[in-house]
Amino acid sequence: MFAIVKVGGKQYRVEEGQQVIVDRMDAAAGATVELPSLLVADGDDLRLAAEGTDATVTAVVVEHLRGPKIRISRFKPKRGWRKKAGFRAAQTKLEVQKIA
């Protein structure tokens, strides 16, 4: 059984017991969150959210973390202008408990 959920404008394929890393959520570590599902598949049985099913995915926030550092460098040729910057995305690790 798996489900397609939408979190933070992105879609993820999740199964029960799976851990997934998503964009930072406003929930404390250890809190339970319900994610709206777009599709739930159980073998050959497919249920879409558009058909009026109340399919939800329950997940627990495991921890908040930061992604790998992305280095950004810009320069303008023939002028000697250079600029360096970095970015680390704020992320949340979720563990899927139940697909209902």
PDB file of N, CA and C in Angstrom:
ATOM      1  N   MET A   1       0.846  -1.169   0.000  1.00  0.00           N
ATOM      2  CA  MET A   1       0.000   0.000   0.000  1.00  0.00           C
ATOM      3  C   MET A   1       0.893   1.233   0.000  1.00  0.00           C
ATOM      4  N   PHE A   2       0.576   2.178  -0.872  1.00  0.00           N
ATOM      5  CA  PHE A   2       1.309   3.433  -0.893  1.00  0.00           C
ATOM      6  C   PHE A   2       0.342   4.577  -1.158  1.00  0.00           C
ATOM      7  N   ALA A   3       0.831   5.793  -0.914  1.00  0.00           N
ATOM      8  CA  ALA A   3       0.017   6.985  -1.127  1.00  0.00           C
ATOM      9  C   ALA A   3       0.887   8.079  -1.731  1.00  0.00           C
ATOM     10  N   ILE A   4       0.254   8.969  -2.460  1.00  0.00           N
ATOM     11  CA  ILE A   4       0.908  10.168  -2.973  1.00  0.00           C
ATOM     12  C   ILE A   4       0.392  11.333  -2.136  1.00  0.00           C
ATOM     13  N   VAL A   5       1.308  12.018  -1.430  1.00  0.00           N
ATOM     14  CA  VAL A   5       0.917  13.136  -0.573  1.00  0.00           C
ATOM     15  C   VAL A   5       1.543  14.420  -1.094  1.00  0.00           C
ATOM     16  N   LYS A   6       0.908  15.527  -0.762  1.00  0.00           N
ATOM     17  CA  LYS A   6       1.406  16.840  -1.168  1.00  0.00           C
ATOM     18  C   LYS A   6       1.825  17.596   0.086  1.00  0.00           C
ATOM     19  N   VAL A   7       3.106  17.936   0.163  1.00  0.00           N
ATOM     20  CA  VAL A   7       3.653  18.647   1.315  1.00  0.00           C
ATOM     21  C   VAL A   7       4.508  19.796   0.794  1.00  0.00           C
ATOM     22  N   GLY A   8       4.151  21.010   1.171  1.00  0.00           N
ATOM     23  CA  GLY A   8       4.953  22.165   0.794  1.00  0.00           C
ATOM     24  C   GLY A   8       5.050  22.388  -0.704  1.00  0.00           C
ATOM     25  N   GLY A   9       3.998  22.067  -1.452  1.00  0.00           N
ATOM     26  CA  GLY A   9       3.996  22.288  -2.887  1.00  0.00           C
ATOM     27  C   GLY A   9       4.668  21.190  -3.688  1.00  0.00           C
ATOM     28  N   LYS A  10       5.151  20.141  -3.023  1.00  0.00           N
ATOM     29  CA  LYS A  10       5.792  19.023  -3.714  1.00  0.00           C
ATOM     30  C   LYS A  10       5.024  17.746  -3.420  1.00  0.00           C
ATOM     31  N   GLN A  11       5.139  16.779  -4.297  1.00  0.00           N
ATOM     32  CA  GLN A  11       4.438  15.512  -4.123  1.00  0.00           C
ATOM     33  C   GLN A  11       5.442  14.404  -3.822  1.00  0.00           C
ATOM     34  N   TYR A  12       5.066  13.529  -2.886  1.00  0.00           N
ATOM     35  CA  TYR A  12       5.938  12.440  -2.463  1.00  0.00           C
ATOM     36  C   TYR A  12       5.154  11.132  -2.474  1.00  0.00           C
ATOM     37  N   ARG A  13       5.826  10.042  -2.852  1.00  0.00           N
ATOM     38  CA  ARG A  13       5.242   8.700  -2.784  1.00  0.00           C
ATOM     39  C   ARG A  13       5.711   8.097  -1.468  1.00  0.00           C
ATOM     40  N   VAL A  14       4.766   7.738  -0.585  1.00  0.00           N
ATOM     41  CA  VAL A  14       5.117   7.242   0.741  1.00  0.00           C
ATOM     42  C   VAL A  14       4.439   5.901   1.004  1.00  0.00           C
ATOM     43  N   GLU A  15       5.076   5.110   1.862  1.00  0.00           N
ATOM     44  CA  GLU A  15       4.537   3.842   2.330  1.00  0.00           C
ATOM     45  C   GLU A  15       4.609   3.842   3.853  1.00  0.00           C
ATOM     46  N   GLU A  16       3.867   2.958   4.485  1.00  0.00           N
ATOM     47  CA  GLU A  16       3.881   2.871   5.943  1.00  0.00           C
ATOM     48  C   GLU A  16       5.263   2.442   6.410  1.00  0.00           C
ATOM     49  N   GLY A  17       5.759   3.126   7.466  1.00  0.00           N
ATOM     50  CA  GLY A  17       7.069   2.826   8.021  1.00  0.00           C
ATOM     51  C   GLY A  17       8.215   3.529   7.326  1.00  0.00           C
ATOM     52  N   GLN A  18       7.956   4.199   6.237  1.00  0.00           N
ATOM     53  CA  GLN A  18       8.999   4.883   5.474  1.00  0.00           C
ATOM     54  C   GLN A  18       9.303   6.245   6.089  1.00  0.00           C
ATOM     55  N   GLN A  19      10.569   6.653   6.035  1.00  0.00           N
ATOM     56  CA  GLN A  19      10.949   7.997   6.447  1.00  0.00           C
ATOM     57  C   GLN A  19      11.187   8.829   5.194  1.00  0.00           C
ATOM     58  N   VAL A  20      10.670  10.043   5.220  1.00  0.00           N
ATOM     59  CA  VAL A  20      10.791  10.922   4.060  1.00  0.00           C
ATOM     60  C   VAL A  20      11.228  12.303   4.548  1.00  0.00           C
ATOM     61  N   ILE A  21      12.088  12.963   3.769  1.00  0.00           N
ATOM     62  CA  ILE A  21      12.579  14.296   4.113  1.00  0.00           C
ATOM     63  C   ILE A  21      11.846  15.306   3.246  1.00  0.00           C
ATOM     64  N   VAL A  22      11.174  16.261   3.899  1.00  0.00           N
ATOM     65  CA  VAL A  22      10.381  17.283   3.216  1.00  0.00           C
ATOM     66  C   VAL A  22      10.879  18.654   3.634  1.00  0.00           C
ATOM     67  N   ASP A  23      10.355  19.702   3.010  1.00  0.00           N
ATOM     68  CA  ASP A  23      10.686  21.062   3.421  1.00  0.00           C
ATOM     69  C   ASP A  23      10.215  21.290   4.853  1.00  0.00           C
ATOM     70  N   ARG A  24      10.832  22.240   5.542  1.00  0.00           N
ATOM     71  CA  ARG A  24      10.579  22.486   6.960  1.00  0.00           C
ATOM     72  C   ARG A  24       9.099  22.716   7.227  1.00  0.00           C
ATOM     73  N   MET A  25       8.582  22.021   8.252  1.00  0.00           N
ATOM     74  CA  MET A  25       7.192  22.143   8.670  1.00  0.00           C
ATOM     75  C   MET A  25       7.139  22.804  10.043  1.00  0.00           C
ATOM     76  N   ASP A  26       6.044  23.500  10.332  1.00  0.00           N
ATOM     77  CA  ASP A  26       5.856  24.136  11.632  1.00  0.00           C
ATOM     78  C   ASP A  26       5.241  23.142  12.609  1.00  0.00           C
ATOM     79  N   ALA A  27       6.020  22.164  13.025  1.00  0.00           N
ATOM     80  CA  ALA A  27       5.578  21.169  13.993  1.00  0.00           C
ATOM     81  C   ALA A  27       6.788  20.770  14.822  1.00  0.00           C
ATOM     82  N   ALA A  28       6.577  20.558  16.100  1.00  0.00           N
ATOM     83  CA  ALA A  28       7.675  20.185  16.986  1.00  0.00           C
ATOM     84  C   ALA A  28       8.080  18.734  16.744  1.00  0.00           C
ATOM     85  N   ALA A  29       9.307  18.410  17.095  1.00  0.00           N
ATOM     86  CA  ALA A  29       9.781  17.035  16.967  1.00  0.00           C
ATOM     87  C   ALA A  29       8.949  16.135  17.875  1.00  0.00           C
ATOM     88  N   GLY A  30       8.489  15.025  17.350  1.00  0.00           N
ATOM     89  CA  GLY A  30       7.637  14.110  18.097  1.00  0.00           C
ATOM     90  C   GLY A  30       6.158  14.351  17.890  1.00  0.00           C
ATOM     91  N   ALA A  31       5.793  15.437  17.235  1.00  0.00           N
ATOM     92  CA  ALA A  31       4.378  15.751  16.992  1.00  0.00           C
ATOM     93  C   ALA A  31       3.834  14.890  15.849  1.00  0.00           C
ATOM     94  N   THR A  32       2.534  14.663  15.894  1.00  0.00           N
ATOM     95  CA  THR A  32       1.860  13.906  14.847  1.00  0.00           C
ATOM     96  C   THR A  32       1.193  14.884  13.884  1.00  0.00           C
ATOM     97  N   VAL A  33       1.404  14.669  12.592  1.00  0.00           N
ATOM     98  CA  VAL A  33       0.804  15.526  11.570  1.00  0.00           C
ATOM     99  C   VAL A  33       0.005  14.666  10.598  1.00  0.00           C
ATOM    100  N   GLU A  34      -1.040  15.249  10.043  1.00  0.00           N
ATOM    101  CA  GLU A  34      -1.835  14.567   9.022  1.00  0.00           C
ATOM    102  C   GLU A  34      -1.572  15.243   7.690  1.00  0.00           C
ATOM    103  N   LEU A  35      -1.237  14.438   6.697  1.00  0.00           N
ATOM    104  CA  LEU A  35      -0.914  14.947   5.378  1.00  0.00           C
ATOM    105  C   LEU A  35      -2.052  14.607   4.417  1.00  0.00           C
ATOM    106  N   PRO A  36      -2.502  15.566   3.620  1.00  0.00           N
ATOM    107  CA  PRO A  36      -3.555  15.265   2.647  1.00  0.00           C
ATOM    108  C   PRO A  36      -2.992  14.421   1.507  1.00  0.00           C
ATOM    109  N   SER A  37      -3.705  13.370   1.159  1.00  0.00           N
ATOM    110  CA  SER A  37      -3.215  12.499   0.096  1.00  0.00           C
ATOM    111  C   SER A  37      -3.985  12.766  -1.188  1.00  0.00           C
ATOM    112  N   LEU A  38      -3.303  12.619  -2.297  1.00  0.00           N
ATOM    113  CA  LEU A  38      -3.902  12.796  -3.611  1.00  0.00           C
ATOM    114  C   LEU A  38      -4.363  11.464  -4.188  1.00  0.00           C
ATOM    115  N   LEU A  39      -3.656  10.388  -3.786  1.00  0.00           N
ATOM    116  CA  LEU A  39      -3.963   9.068  -4.321  1.00  0.00           C
ATOM    117  C   LEU A  39      -3.541   8.024  -3.293  1.00  0.00           C
ATOM    118  N   VAL A  40      -4.357   6.988  -3.141  1.00  0.00           N
ATOM    119  CA  VAL A  40      -4.018   5.853  -2.282  1.00  0.00           C
ATOM    120  C   VAL A  40      -4.164   4.594  -3.121  1.00  0.00           C
ATOM    121  N   ALA A  41      -3.118   3.771  -3.144  1.00  0.00           N
ATOM    122  CA  ALA A  41      -3.133   2.543  -3.926  1.00  0.00           C
ATOM    123  C   ALA A  41      -2.904   1.356  -3.002  1.00  0.00           C
ATOM    124  N   ASP A  42      -3.782   0.357  -3.121  1.00  0.00           N
ATOM    125  CA  ASP A  42      -3.663  -0.871  -2.351  1.00  0.00           C
ATOM    126  C   ASP A  42      -3.818  -2.035  -3.337  1.00  0.00           C
ATOM    127  N   GLY A  43      -2.696  -2.502  -3.834  1.00  0.00           N
ATOM    128  CA  GLY A  43      -2.751  -3.548  -4.862  1.00  0.00           C
ATOM    129  C   GLY A  43      -3.310  -2.979  -6.156  1.00  0.00           C
ATOM    130  N   ASP A  44      -4.423  -3.545  -6.621  1.00  0.00           N
ATOM    131  CA  ASP A  44      -5.076  -3.058  -7.837  1.00  0.00           C
ATOM    132  C   ASP A  44      -6.119  -1.988  -7.551  1.00  0.00           C
ATOM    133  N   ASP A  45      -6.380  -1.708  -6.284  1.00  0.00           N
ATOM    134  CA  ASP A  45      -7.396  -0.730  -5.888  1.00  0.00           C
ATOM    135  C   ASP A  45      -6.773   0.657  -5.795  1.00  0.00           C
ATOM    136  N   LEU A  46      -7.227   1.579  -6.643  1.00  0.00           N
ATOM    137  CA  LEU A  46      -6.757   2.965  -6.631  1.00  0.00           C
ATOM    138  C   LEU A  46      -7.880   3.879  -6.174  1.00  0.00           C
ATOM    139  N   ARG A  47      -7.574   4.766  -5.228  1.00  0.00           N
ATOM    140  CA  ARG A  47      -8.556   5.749  -4.766  1.00  0.00           C
ATOM    141  C   ARG A  47      -7.958   7.131  -4.934  1.00  0.00           C
ATOM    142  N   LEU A  48      -8.671   7.991  -5.651  1.00  0.00           N
ATOM    143  CA  LEU A  48      -8.232   9.366  -5.866  1.00  0.00           C
ATOM    144  C   LEU A  48      -8.914  10.282  -4.867  1.00  0.00           C
ATOM    145  N   ALA A  49      -8.256  11.354  -4.487  1.00  0.00           N
ATOM    146  CA  ALA A  49      -8.847  12.311  -3.558  1.00  0.00           C
ATOM    147  C   ALA A  49      -9.998  13.061  -4.212  1.00  0.00           C
ATOM    148  N   ALA A  50      -9.985  13.174  -5.511  1.00  0.00           N
ATOM    149  CA  ALA A  50     -11.048  13.884  -6.225  1.00  0.00           C
ATOM    150  C   ALA A  50     -12.370  13.132  -6.179  1.00  0.00           C
ATOM    151  N   GLU A  51     -12.331  11.853  -5.858  1.00  0.00           N
ATOM    152  CA  GLU A  51     -13.552  11.054  -5.816  1.00  0.00           C
ATOM    153  C   GLU A  51     -14.264  11.154  -4.477  1.00  0.00           C
ATOM    154  N   GLY A  52     -13.797  12.024  -3.602  1.00  0.00           N
ATOM    155  CA  GLY A  52     -14.481  12.229  -2.336  1.00  0.00           C
ATOM    156  C   GLY A  52     -14.020  11.326  -1.212  1.00  0.00           C
ATOM    157  N   THR A  53     -12.925  10.608  -1.392  1.00  0.00           N
ATOM    158  CA  THR A  53     -12.425   9.765  -0.316  1.00  0.00           C
ATOM    159  C   THR A  53     -11.711  10.635   0.711  1.00  0.00           C
ATOM    160  N   ASP A  54     -11.832  10.270   1.955  1.00  0.00           N
ATOM    161  CA  ASP A  54     -11.149  11.001   3.020  1.00  0.00           C
ATOM    162  C   ASP A  54      -9.844  10.299   3.367  1.00  0.00           C
ATOM    163  N   ALA A  55      -9.005  10.137   2.387  1.00  0.00           N
ATOM    164  CA  ALA A  55      -7.740   9.449   2.594  1.00  0.00           C
ATOM    165  C   ALA A  55      -6.725  10.416   3.199  1.00  0.00           C
ATOM    166  N   THR A  56      -6.214  10.074   4.363  1.00  0.00           N
ATOM    167  CA  THR A  56      -5.191  10.885   5.005  1.00  0.00           C
ATOM    168  C   THR A  56      -4.027   9.998   5.393  1.00  0.00           C
ATOM    169  N   VAL A  57      -2.885  10.605   5.496  1.00  0.00           N
ATOM    170  CA  VAL A  57      -1.670   9.910   5.898  1.00  0.00           C
ATOM    171  C   VAL A  57      -1.227  10.516   7.218  1.00  0.00           C
ATOM    172  N   THR A  58      -1.028   9.678   8.223  1.00  0.00           N
ATOM    173  CA  THR A  58      -0.573  10.134   9.535  1.00  0.00           C
ATOM    174  C   THR A  58       0.921   9.902   9.638  1.00  0.00           C
ATOM    175  N   ALA A  59       1.651  10.947  10.026  1.00  0.00           N
ATOM    176  CA  ALA A  59       3.105  10.861  10.134  1.00  0.00           C
ATOM    177  C   ALA A  59       3.571  11.520  11.425  1.00  0.00           C
ATOM    178  N   VAL A  60       4.738  11.107  11.896  1.00  0.00           N
ATOM    179  CA  VAL A  60       5.340  11.659  13.102  1.00  0.00           C
ATOM    180  C   VAL A  60       6.603  12.411  12.692  1.00  0.00           C
ATOM    181  N   VAL A  61       6.787  13.617  13.260  1.00  0.00           N
ATOM    182  CA  VAL A  61       7.985  14.400  12.984  1.00  0.00           C
ATOM    183  C   VAL A  61       9.138  13.784  13.772  1.00  0.00           C
ATOM    184  N   VAL A  62      10.140  13.271  13.053  1.00  0.00           N
ATOM    185  CA  VAL A  62      11.286  12.642  13.705  1.00  0.00           C
ATOM    186  C   VAL A  62      12.277  13.706  14.160  1.00  0.00           C
ATOM    187  N   GLU A  63      12.676  14.594  13.252  1.00  0.00           N
ATOM    188  CA  GLU A  63      13.628  15.641  13.593  1.00  0.00           C
ATOM    189  C   GLU A  63      13.604  16.737  12.532  1.00  0.00           C
ATOM    190  N   HIS A  64      14.171  17.875  12.905  1.00  0.00           N
ATOM    191  CA  HIS A  64      14.390  18.974  11.972  1.00  0.00           C
ATOM    192  C   HIS A  64      15.878  18.990  11.655  1.00  0.00           C
ATOM    193  N   LEU A  65      16.194  19.166  10.391  1.00  0.00           N
ATOM    194  CA  LEU A  65      17.588  19.168   9.987  1.00  0.00           C
ATOM    195  C   LEU A  65      17.804  20.140   8.850  1.00  0.00           C
ATOM    196  N   ARG A  66      19.051  20.245   8.423  1.00  0.00           N
ATOM    197  CA  ARG A  66      19.392  21.132   7.319  1.00  0.00           C
ATOM    198  C   ARG A  66      20.053  20.321   6.222  1.00  0.00           C
ATOM    199  N   GLY A  67      19.760  20.673   4.992  1.00  0.00           N
ATOM    200  CA  GLY A  67      20.279  19.949   3.842  1.00  0.00           C
ATOM    201  C   GLY A  67      21.736  20.263   3.577  1.00  0.00           C
ATOM    202  N   PRO A  68      22.293  19.676   2.546  1.00  0.00           N
ATOM    203  CA  PRO A  68      23.699  19.936   2.208  1.00  0.00           C
ATOM    204  C   PRO A  68      23.891  21.363   1.723  1.00  0.00           C
ATOM    205  N   LYS A  69      25.097  21.872   1.933  1.00  0.00           N
ATOM    206  CA  LYS A  69      25.391  23.245   1.539  1.00  0.00           C
ATOM    207  C   LYS A  69      25.540  23.332   0.023  1.00  0.00           C
ATOM    208  N   ILE A  70      24.868  24.315  -0.540  1.00  0.00           N
ATOM    209  CA  ILE A  70      24.960  24.586  -1.969  1.00  0.00           C
ATOM    210  C   ILE A  70      25.779  25.850  -2.139  1.00  0.00           C
ATOM    211  N   ARG A  71      26.845  25.772  -2.882  1.00  0.00           N
ATOM    212  CA  ARG A  71      27.718  26.927  -3.105  1.00  0.00           C
ATOM    213  C   ARG A  71      27.280  27.667  -4.368  1.00  0.00           C
ATOM    214  N   ILE A  72      27.218  28.983  -4.234  1.00  0.00           N
ATOM    215  CA  ILE A  72      26.799  29.831  -5.339  1.00  0.00           C
ATOM    216  C   ILE A  72      27.933  30.805  -5.612  1.00  0.00           C
ATOM    217  N   SER A  73      28.389  30.887  -6.838  1.00  0.00           N
ATOM    218  CA  SER A  73      29.417  31.862  -7.183  1.00  0.00           C
ATOM    219  C   SER A  73      28.994  32.591  -8.449  1.00  0.00           C
ATOM    220  N   ARG A  74      29.199  33.903  -8.412  1.00  0.00           N
ATOM    221  CA  ARG A  74      28.852  34.738  -9.567  1.00  0.00           C
ATOM    222  C   ARG A  74      30.064  35.599  -9.908  1.00  0.00           C
ATOM    223  N   PHE A  75      30.229  35.901 -11.158  1.00  0.00           N
ATOM    224  CA  PHE A  75      31.312  36.785 -11.548  1.00  0.00           C
ATOM    225  C   PHE A  75      30.955  37.500 -12.838  1.00  0.00           C
ATOM    226  N   LYS A  76      31.613  38.613 -13.039  1.00  0.00           N
ATOM    227  CA  LYS A  76      31.455  39.363 -14.279  1.00  0.00           C
ATOM    228  C   LYS A  76      32.803  39.362 -14.981  1.00  0.00           C
ATOM    229  N   PRO A  77      32.827  38.829 -16.179  1.00  0.00           N
ATOM    230  CA  PRO A  77      34.107  38.742 -16.870  1.00  0.00           C
ATOM    231  C   PRO A  77      34.681  40.123 -17.212  1.00  0.00           C
ATOM    232  N   LYS A  78      35.992  40.196 -17.234  1.00  0.00           N
ATOM    233  CA  LYS A  78      36.760  41.389 -17.620  1.00  0.00           C
ATOM    234  C   LYS A  78      36.614  42.542 -16.641  1.00  0.00           C
ATOM    235  N   ARG A  79      36.006  42.324 -15.456  1.00  0.00           N
ATOM    236  CA  ARG A  79      35.857  43.406 -14.480  1.00  0.00           C
ATOM    237  C   ARG A  79      36.461  43.035 -13.132  1.00  0.00           C
ATOM    238  N   GLY A  80      36.738  41.772 -12.908  1.00  0.00           N
ATOM    239  CA  GLY A  80      37.316  41.355 -11.632  1.00  0.00           C
ATOM    240  C   GLY A  80      36.289  41.265 -10.512  1.00  0.00           C
ATOM    241  N   TRP A  81      34.996  41.314 -10.826  1.00  0.00           N
ATOM    242  CA  TRP A  81      33.945  41.246  -9.796  1.00  0.00           C
ATOM    243  C   TRP A  81      33.568  39.797  -9.557  1.00  0.00           C
ATOM    244  N   ARG A  82      33.670  39.370  -8.288  1.00  0.00           N
ATOM    245  CA  ARG A  82      33.312  38.013  -7.907  1.00  0.00           C
ATOM    246  C   ARG A  82      32.512  38.057  -6.617  1.00  0.00           C
ATOM    247  N   LYS A  83      31.601  37.113  -6.489  1.00  0.00           N
ATOM    248  CA  LYS A  83      30.790  37.038  -5.281  1.00  0.00           C
ATOM    249  C   LYS A  83      30.513  35.570  -4.981  1.00  0.00           C
ATOM    250  N   LYS A  84      30.687  35.170  -3.720  1.00  0.00           N
ATOM    251  CA  LYS A  84      30.405  33.798  -3.308  1.00  0.00           C
ATOM    252  C   LYS A  84      29.341  33.830  -2.221  1.00  0.00           C
ATOM    253  N   ALA A  85      28.480  32.833  -2.240  1.00  0.00           N
ATOM    254  CA  ALA A  85      27.437  32.702  -1.227  1.00  0.00           C
ATOM    255  C   ALA A  85      27.148  31.220  -1.044  1.00  0.00           C
ATOM    256  N   GLY A  86      26.416  30.903   0.004  1.00  0.00           N
ATOM    257  CA  GLY A  86      26.040  29.523   0.251  1.00  0.00           C
ATOM    258  C   GLY A  86      24.612  29.458   0.755  1.00  0.00           C
ATOM    259  N   PHE A  87      24.028  28.255   0.688  1.00  0.00           N
ATOM    260  CA  PHE A  87      22.641  28.083   1.110  1.00  0.00           C
ATOM    261  C   PHE A  87      22.460  26.667   1.623  1.00  0.00           C
ATOM    262  N   ARG A  88      21.751  26.528   2.756  1.00  0.00           N
ATOM    263  CA  ARG A  88      21.371  25.220   3.284  1.00  0.00           C
ATOM    264  C   ARG A  88      19.876  25.239   3.544  1.00  0.00           C
ATOM    265  N   ALA A  89      19.148  24.328   2.916  1.00  0.00           N
ATOM    266  CA  ALA A  89      17.697  24.283   3.043  1.00  0.00           C
ATOM    267  C   ALA A  89      17.298  23.710   4.398  1.00  0.00           C
ATOM    268  N   ALA A  90      16.269  24.287   5.011  1.00  0.00           N
ATOM    269  CA  ALA A  90      15.710  23.764   6.249  1.00  0.00           C
ATOM    270  C   ALA A  90      14.754  22.632   5.902  1.00  0.00           C
ATOM    271  N   GLN A  91      14.929  21.466   6.538  1.00  0.00           N
ATOM    272  CA  GLN A  91      14.147  20.292   6.187  1.00  0.00           C
ATOM    273  C   GLN A  91      13.593  19.622   7.439  1.00  0.00           C
ATOM    274  N   THR A  92      12.596  18.778   7.232  1.00  0.00           N
ATOM    275  CA  THR A  92      11.978  18.005   8.303  1.00  0.00           C
ATOM    276  C   THR A  92      11.930  16.546   7.876  1.00  0.00           C
ATOM    277  N   LYS A  93      12.316  15.652   8.799  1.00  0.00           N
ATOM    278  CA  LYS A  93      12.234  14.216   8.518  1.00  0.00           C
ATOM    279  C   LYS A  93      10.960  13.679   9.157  1.00  0.00           C
ATOM    280  N   LEU A  94      10.124  13.043   8.329  1.00  0.00           N
ATOM    281  CA  LEU A  94       8.856  12.471   8.781  1.00  0.00           C
ATOM    282  C   LEU A  94       8.905  10.956   8.673  1.00  0.00           C
ATOM    283  N   GLU A  95       8.239  10.286   9.620  1.00  0.00           N
ATOM    284  CA  GLU A  95       8.078   8.837   9.533  1.00  0.00           C
ATOM    285  C   GLU A  95       6.582   8.553   9.391  1.00  0.00           C
ATOM    286  N   VAL A  96       6.214   7.880   8.308  1.00  0.00           N
ATOM    287  CA  VAL A  96       4.816   7.595   8.011  1.00  0.00           C
ATOM    288  C   VAL A  96       4.350   6.466   8.921  1.00  0.00           C
ATOM    289  N   GLN A  97       3.276   6.723   9.684  1.00  0.00           N
ATOM    290  CA  GLN A  97       2.731   5.731  10.625  1.00  0.00           C
ATOM    291  C   GLN A  97       1.581   4.939  10.012  1.00  0.00           C
ATOM    292  N   LYS A  98       0.631   5.657   9.402  1.00  0.00           N
ATOM    293  CA  LYS A  98      -0.580   4.985   8.942  1.00  0.00           C
ATOM    294  C   LYS A  98      -1.122   5.659   7.704  1.00  0.00           C
ATOM    295  N   ILE A  99      -1.609   4.853   6.774  1.00  0.00           N
ATOM    296  CA  ILE A  99      -2.317   5.346   5.600  1.00  0.00           C
ATOM    297  C   ILE A  99      -3.751   4.881   5.739  1.00  0.00           C
ATOM    298  N   ALA A 100      -4.681   5.836   5.861  1.00  0.00           N
ATOM    299  CA  ALA A 100      -6.086   5.480   6.076  1.00  0.00           C
ATOM    300  C   ALA A 100      -6.925   5.938   4.910  1.00  0.00           C
TER     301      ALA A 100
END
